[in-house]
Protein backbone atom coordinates (compact mmCIF):
# COMPACT_ATOMS: atom_id res chain seq x y z
CA MET A 1 2.75 -13.78 -49.83
CA LEU A 2 3.41 -13.57 -46.48
CA ARG A 3 1.17 -10.73 -44.92
CA ILE A 4 0.95 -8.96 -41.09
CA GLU A 5 -2.77 -10.18 -41.03
CA GLN A 6 -1.31 -14.20 -41.07
CA ALA A 7 0.77 -13.33 -37.82
CA TYR A 8 -2.48 -11.76 -36.33
CA TRP A 9 -4.44 -14.66 -36.97
CA LEU A 10 -1.67 -17.10 -35.45
CA MET A 11 -1.79 -14.62 -32.44
CA ALA A 12 -5.47 -14.94 -32.26
CA LEU A 13 -5.10 -18.91 -32.47
CA PHE A 14 -2.47 -18.72 -29.51
CA LEU A 15 -4.87 -16.60 -27.22
CA ALA A 16 -7.76 -18.91 -28.04
CA GLY A 17 -5.81 -21.76 -26.81
CA ALA A 18 -4.77 -20.03 -23.79
CA ALA A 19 -8.25 -19.20 -23.52
CA ILE A 20 -9.14 -22.96 -23.63
CA LEU A 21 -6.82 -23.90 -21.33
CA ASN A 22 -7.62 -21.59 -18.64
CA LEU A 23 -11.23 -22.90 -19.03
CA ARG A 24 -9.99 -26.81 -18.32
CA ASP A 25 -8.84 -24.99 -15.17
CA ARG A 26 -11.95 -23.49 -14.30
CA ARG A 27 -10.20 -20.03 -14.70
CA TRP A 28 -13.12 -18.10 -15.77
CA SER A 29 -11.97 -14.58 -15.80
CA HIS A 30 -8.92 -15.49 -17.52
CA ALA A 31 -10.54 -17.56 -20.14
CA ALA A 32 -12.78 -14.98 -20.88
CA PHE A 33 -10.01 -11.98 -21.31
CA TRP A 34 -7.98 -14.05 -23.69
CA GLY A 35 -11.23 -15.13 -25.51
CA VAL A 36 -12.50 -11.76 -25.98
CA LEU A 37 -8.91 -10.37 -27.16
CA ALA A 38 -8.69 -13.30 -29.59
CA MET A 39 -11.82 -12.35 -31.31
CA LEU A 40 -10.63 -8.67 -31.29
CA VAL A 41 -7.27 -9.55 -32.74
CA ALA A 42 -8.71 -12.23 -35.39
CA GLY A 43 -11.33 -9.56 -36.51
CA GLY A 44 -9.34 -6.38 -36.66
CA LYS A 45 -8.97 -6.31 -40.59
CA PHE A 46 -12.55 -7.16 -40.92
CA VAL A 47 -13.46 -4.07 -38.63
CA LEU A 48 -11.45 -1.78 -40.55
CA ALA A 49 -12.61 -3.30 -43.88
CA ALA A 50 -16.34 -2.23 -42.41
CA ALA A 51 -15.22 1.26 -41.29
CA ALA A 52 -13.88 1.80 -45.05
CA ALA A 53 -17.64 0.76 -45.67
CA HIS A 54 -18.98 3.08 -43.38
CA ASP A 55 -20.69 0.05 -41.33
CA ASN A 56 -20.06 1.11 -37.62
CA LEU A 57 -21.58 -1.87 -36.23
CA PRO A 58 -18.26 -4.17 -36.14
CA ALA A 59 -16.41 -0.94 -34.60
CA GLN A 60 -19.30 -1.21 -32.04
CA LEU A 61 -18.81 -4.76 -31.50
CA ALA A 62 -15.15 -3.80 -30.81
CA GLY A 63 -15.69 -1.03 -28.76
CA ALA A 64 -17.98 -3.56 -26.43
CA GLY A 65 -15.01 -6.04 -26.45
CA VAL A 66 -12.52 -3.56 -25.36
CA ILE A 67 -14.80 -2.58 -22.72
CA ALA A 68 -15.33 -6.20 -21.50
CA LEU A 69 -11.42 -6.39 -21.37
CA ALA A 70 -11.73 -3.68 -19.02
CA ALA A 71 -14.25 -5.09 -16.79
CA LEU A 72 -12.45 -8.65 -16.85
CA SER A 73 -8.86 -7.18 -15.98
CA PRO A 74 -9.50 -6.53 -12.04
CA ARG A 75 -10.76 -10.12 -11.95
CA MET A 76 -7.43 -11.66 -13.07
CA SER A 77 -5.36 -12.92 -10.48
CA ARG A 78 -2.10 -15.15 -10.88
CA GLY A 79 -2.88 -18.17 -8.49
CA HIS A 80 -3.33 -21.76 -8.92
CA LEU A 81 -1.19 -22.04 -11.89
CA ARG A 82 0.06 -25.27 -12.35
CA GLU A 83 3.74 -24.81 -12.48
CA ARG A 84 6.56 -27.21 -12.61
CA PRO A 85 8.34 -27.39 -9.47
CA ALA A 86 11.24 -24.56 -8.91
CA ASP A 87 13.84 -27.50 -8.40
CA GLU A 88 13.05 -29.07 -11.46
CA ARG A 89 13.06 -25.87 -13.81
CA GLU A 90 16.18 -24.66 -12.26
CA ALA A 91 18.15 -28.03 -13.16
CA ASP A 92 17.10 -28.00 -16.54
CA ALA A 93 18.40 -24.46 -17.06
CA LYS A 94 21.48 -25.40 -15.46
CA LYS A 95 21.54 -28.27 -17.92
CA LEU A 96 20.75 -25.98 -21.14
CA ARG A 97 22.86 -23.33 -19.98
CA HIS A 98 23.97 -20.95 -22.82
CA ARG A 99 21.95 -22.77 -25.42
CA LEU A 100 18.76 -20.97 -24.14
CA LEU A 101 19.90 -17.78 -25.43
CA GLY A 102 20.18 -18.83 -29.24
CA PRO A 103 16.64 -19.23 -29.85
CA ALA A 104 15.98 -15.67 -28.29
CA LEU A 105 18.75 -14.24 -30.05
CA LEU A 106 17.16 -15.47 -33.66
CA ILE A 107 14.25 -13.03 -32.94
CA PRO A 108 16.26 -9.79 -33.92
CA LEU A 109 18.70 -11.70 -36.45
CA VAL A 110 16.07 -13.13 -38.81
CA THR A 111 13.72 -9.82 -38.08
CA LEU A 112 17.10 -7.81 -39.67
CA LEU A 113 17.50 -10.10 -42.23
CA VAL A 114 13.98 -9.88 -43.50
CA ALA A 115 14.19 -6.08 -43.17
CA LEU A 116 17.44 -6.01 -45.23
CA PHE A 117 16.99 -8.40 -48.02
CA GLY A 118 13.19 -9.29 -48.10
CA ASP A 119 13.16 -7.08 -51.15
CA TYR A 120 14.87 -9.74 -52.95
CA LEU A 121 13.11 -12.89 -51.84
CA ALA A 122 10.50 -14.25 -54.55
CA PHE A 123 8.76 -17.33 -55.34
CA ASP A 124 7.60 -18.26 -58.25
CA GLY A 125 7.82 -14.64 -59.77
CA ARG A 126 5.97 -13.59 -56.40
CA ARG A 127 7.26 -11.22 -53.83
CA LEU A 128 7.71 -13.16 -50.28
CA PHE A 129 7.21 -10.26 -48.36
CA ASP A 130 4.71 -7.33 -48.27
CA ALA A 131 6.89 -4.16 -49.05
CA HIS A 132 4.72 -2.14 -46.57
CA GLN A 133 4.87 -4.26 -43.83
CA MET A 134 8.18 -6.24 -44.19
CA THR A 135 9.96 -5.43 -41.12
CA LEU A 136 6.76 -6.52 -38.92
CA THR A 137 6.07 -9.76 -40.84
CA GLY A 138 9.49 -10.56 -40.43
CA LEU A 139 9.13 -10.34 -36.56
CA ALA A 140 6.68 -12.43 -36.78
CA LEU A 141 8.74 -15.05 -38.78
CA ALA A 142 11.11 -14.81 -36.87
CA CYS A 143 9.50 -15.57 -33.70
CA LEU A 144 8.21 -18.81 -35.28
CA VAL A 145 11.84 -19.58 -36.23
CA ALA A 146 12.76 -18.97 -32.29
CA LEU A 147 9.76 -21.17 -31.29
CA VAL A 148 10.98 -23.92 -33.38
CA ALA A 149 14.51 -23.72 -32.32
CA ALA A 150 13.53 -23.53 -28.71
CA LEU A 151 11.77 -26.65 -29.32
CA ARG A 152 14.94 -28.20 -30.76
CA VAL A 153 16.93 -27.16 -28.03
CA THR A 154 14.98 -28.14 -25.23
CA ARG A 155 13.68 -31.43 -26.58
CA ALA A 156 10.17 -30.38 -25.80
CA ASP A 157 7.00 -31.44 -27.27
CA PRO A 158 5.14 -28.57 -29.53
CA ALA A 159 2.33 -28.27 -27.06
CA SER A 160 4.89 -26.79 -24.47
CA GLY A 161 4.95 -23.43 -26.36
CA LEU A 162 1.20 -23.32 -26.14
CA VAL A 163 1.38 -24.31 -22.09
CA GLU A 164 4.16 -22.09 -21.09
CA GLY A 165 3.02 -19.00 -23.02
CA ARG A 166 -0.50 -19.27 -21.56
CA ARG A 167 1.63 -19.67 -18.05
CA LEU A 168 3.34 -16.20 -19.27
CA LEU A 169 0.29 -14.78 -20.06
CA ASP A 170 -1.56 -15.53 -16.79
CA THR A 171 1.35 -14.40 -14.92
CA LEU A 172 1.44 -10.66 -16.65
CA GLY A 173 -2.35 -10.49 -16.83
CA TRP A 174 -4.05 -7.51 -18.15
CA ALA A 175 -0.30 -5.62 -18.19
CA ALA A 176 0.30 -7.43 -21.32
CA LEU A 177 -1.60 -5.31 -23.29
CA LEU A 178 -0.31 -2.05 -21.59
CA PRO A 179 2.46 -1.45 -24.51
CA LEU A 180 -0.12 -1.92 -27.25
CA THR A 181 -2.54 0.25 -25.83
CA LEU A 182 -0.20 2.91 -25.03
CA ALA A 183 1.40 2.88 -28.64
CA ALA A 184 -2.46 3.29 -29.80
CA LEU A 185 -2.84 6.42 -27.56
CA GLY A 186 0.17 8.01 -29.21
CA GLY A 187 -1.43 7.60 -32.59
CA VAL A 188 -4.69 9.28 -31.03
CA PHE A 189 -2.64 11.96 -29.57
CA ALA A 190 -1.00 12.41 -32.92
CA ALA A 191 -4.47 12.59 -35.13
CA THR A 192 -6.11 14.77 -32.71
CA GLY A 193 -3.64 17.42 -32.89
CA VAL A 194 -1.86 17.45 -29.67
CA GLY A 195 1.72 17.84 -31.59
CA THR A 196 0.35 21.28 -32.39
CA ALA A 197 -0.95 22.05 -29.05
CA VAL A 198 2.37 21.25 -27.59
CA ALA A 199 4.22 23.47 -30.10
CA ASP A 200 1.98 26.75 -29.12
CA LEU A 201 2.76 25.60 -25.39
CA VAL A 202 6.60 25.61 -26.14
CA ARG A 203 6.53 28.78 -28.11
CA MET A 204 4.93 30.29 -25.17
CA LEU A 205 7.25 29.25 -22.39
CA ILE A 206 10.91 29.03 -23.93
CA PRO A 207 12.66 31.21 -26.48
CA VAL A 208 12.40 29.50 -29.69
CA HIS A 209 15.38 31.36 -31.34
CA SER A 210 17.52 29.39 -29.26
CA ALA A 211 18.63 26.01 -30.57
CA LEU A 212 19.64 24.86 -27.11
CA ALA A 213 16.18 25.67 -25.42
CA CYS A 214 14.32 23.74 -28.51
CA VAL A 215 16.80 20.56 -28.10
CA VAL A 216 16.22 20.92 -23.99
CA ALA A 217 12.37 21.10 -24.80
CA PHE A 218 12.38 18.36 -27.24
CA GLY A 219 14.62 15.82 -24.96
CA LEU A 220 12.28 16.72 -21.66
CA GLY A 221 9.40 16.39 -23.80
CA MET A 222 10.04 13.08 -25.24
CA VAL A 223 11.07 11.83 -21.52
CA LEU A 224 7.62 13.35 -20.15
CA PHE A 225 5.37 12.27 -22.83
CA THR A 226 7.11 8.81 -22.31
CA VAL A 227 6.36 8.74 -18.77
CA ILE A 228 2.86 9.42 -19.53
CA MET A 229 2.51 6.82 -21.96
CA GLY A 230 4.95 4.36 -21.04
CA ASN A 231 6.20 4.23 -24.61
CA ALA A 232 8.79 6.17 -26.70
CA PHE A 233 7.05 5.20 -29.93
CA ALA A 234 3.74 6.58 -28.53
CA ALA A 235 5.64 9.76 -27.76
CA PHE A 236 7.50 10.20 -30.59
CA PRO A 237 5.12 11.44 -32.96
CA VAL A 238 3.68 13.92 -30.65
CA LEU A 239 7.32 15.57 -30.24
CA MET A 240 8.50 15.40 -33.50
CA ALA A 241 5.11 17.16 -34.77
CA GLY A 242 5.05 19.48 -31.87
CA ILE A 243 8.74 20.44 -31.47
CA GLY A 244 11.06 18.33 -33.83
CA ILE A 245 9.73 19.36 -37.13
CA PRO A 246 8.74 23.10 -36.97
CA LEU A 247 11.32 24.25 -34.38
CA LEU A 248 14.30 22.19 -34.77
CA ILE A 249 14.41 21.05 -38.52
CA ARG A 250 12.72 23.92 -39.94
CA LEU A 251 13.78 26.62 -37.74
CA HIS A 252 17.35 25.44 -36.48
CA GLY A 253 18.06 23.29 -39.62
CA ALA A 254 18.75 20.03 -37.78
CA ASN A 255 19.52 16.85 -39.25
CA PRO A 256 16.19 14.81 -39.34
CA ALA A 257 17.81 11.49 -39.04
CA ILE A 258 19.93 12.14 -36.27
CA LEU A 259 17.22 14.17 -34.19
CA GLY A 260 14.77 11.43 -35.02
CA ALA A 261 17.52 8.26 -33.74
CA MET A 262 18.59 10.43 -30.94
CA GLY A 263 15.13 11.29 -30.07
CA MET A 264 13.94 7.54 -29.42
CA VAL A 265 16.88 6.99 -27.72
CA THR A 266 15.96 10.15 -25.38
CA GLY A 267 12.72 8.92 -25.06
CA TYR A 268 13.79 5.67 -23.63
CA CYS A 269 15.29 7.37 -20.60
CA GLY A 270 11.72 8.10 -19.64
CA THR A 271 10.84 4.40 -19.98
CA LEU A 272 13.20 3.85 -17.17
CA PHE A 273 11.46 6.03 -15.17
CA THR A 274 7.53 4.99 -15.24
CA PRO A 275 5.53 1.96 -14.33
CA MET A 276 3.54 3.00 -17.34
CA ALA A 277 6.35 1.06 -19.29
CA ALA A 278 4.96 -2.35 -18.39
CA ASN A 279 7.01 -4.44 -20.49
CA TYR A 280 10.42 -2.86 -18.66
CA ASN A 281 9.21 -2.20 -14.99
CA ILE A 282 5.95 -4.66 -14.09
CA VAL A 283 6.71 -7.45 -16.35
CA PRO A 284 9.90 -8.04 -14.73
CA VAL A 285 8.40 -7.52 -11.14
CA ALA A 286 5.79 -10.25 -12.04
CA LEU A 287 8.47 -12.62 -13.46
CA LEU A 288 10.85 -12.34 -10.76
CA GLU A 289 8.27 -12.30 -7.95
CA LEU A 290 9.46 -9.03 -6.45
CA PRO A 291 8.03 -7.85 -3.07
CA ASN A 292 7.72 -4.09 -4.25
CA GLN A 293 6.21 -3.05 -7.69
CA GLY A 294 8.79 -0.21 -7.74
CA ASP A 295 12.06 -2.09 -6.98
CA VAL A 296 12.80 -2.01 -11.03
CA ILE A 297 12.55 1.59 -11.23
CA ARG A 298 14.69 2.27 -7.91
CA ALA A 299 17.25 0.26 -9.24
CA GLN A 300 17.62 1.97 -12.72
CA TRP A 301 16.37 5.63 -12.64
CA LYS A 302 19.94 6.97 -11.66
CA THR A 303 21.01 5.60 -14.89
CA GLY A 304 18.02 6.86 -16.62
CA ALA A 305 18.77 10.01 -15.57
CA LEU A 306 22.55 10.33 -16.36
CA LEU A 307 21.38 8.82 -19.77
CA LEU A 308 19.32 11.83 -20.11
CA VAL A 309 21.97 14.34 -19.85
CA VAL A 310 24.58 12.81 -22.10
CA ASN A 311 21.51 12.37 -24.85
CA LEU A 312 20.63 16.02 -24.42
CA ALA A 313 24.39 16.73 -25.10
CA LEU A 314 24.76 14.58 -27.99
CA ILE A 315 21.71 16.26 -29.77
CA TYR A 316 22.96 19.22 -29.26
CA LEU A 317 26.53 18.57 -30.74
CA LEU A 318 25.49 16.34 -33.55
CA VAL A 319 22.32 17.28 -35.29
CA PHE A 320 23.38 20.99 -36.09
CA ARG A 321 26.66 19.74 -37.26
CA PHE A 322 26.07 17.02 -39.77
């Protein structure tokens, strides 16, 4: 059976490979950063198992690893990467043209197919995918399929995946971890009762008997928490626990499915406003070598504001009528 832990181990191997390549180039901080992260990713299941057995030492070691990552991150610079000349890369891109898009499209396609039909796939009487983690396992499998397809399209050797992946990691630096840490922050907020505190604050500030006021508070709250945490997935459990479930669903009878879908889309508007959304707003700056870190946000904030108004109107018009 394919499990998500196997994807984590492959990820750890990739990070370890990136660390080894940086050691070869004497990029000590980068090597240490990716090496520590590889150990954390590979040992995650062991830490959880030890915690269930009330053994705190592995968790303390993992905490020390996180502190080490924080200490190493300021020392990671982008210089001295052995990249191919720009004219060679541009020539290859012109030669391959639209075929480069095919492997990228395989990632959502294979993930969707696994999510839809994974329950029916079995080998020798055993399920091929774990039912509890099917989508994530499908995403990991899709990435491997896309890698094989990319190697086939470009006719590159398998080592190119590690070399180019390491180059991309070093280009992003510590920002590559920001989506992961911010998503974890959302779980921490939900577990520590921030949603309840938000609900109490909303009851003090708005007339909760007004469905429109609750919709506006929910939508703006999703945007605000997404701006703070950089990820709508992190904001969603907090706002649903604080406003969505108690006020909109239970008090005003909103449709949970529509509210959940539209709430996530509304949160994505906040993604367009914040540098905390590293995968949207910091990564393109690094990859395109833009002169100002805020260029992407300045180009898209008006679109985000317009989408926010439209989403609020759609929530109000749809969730109480279906």
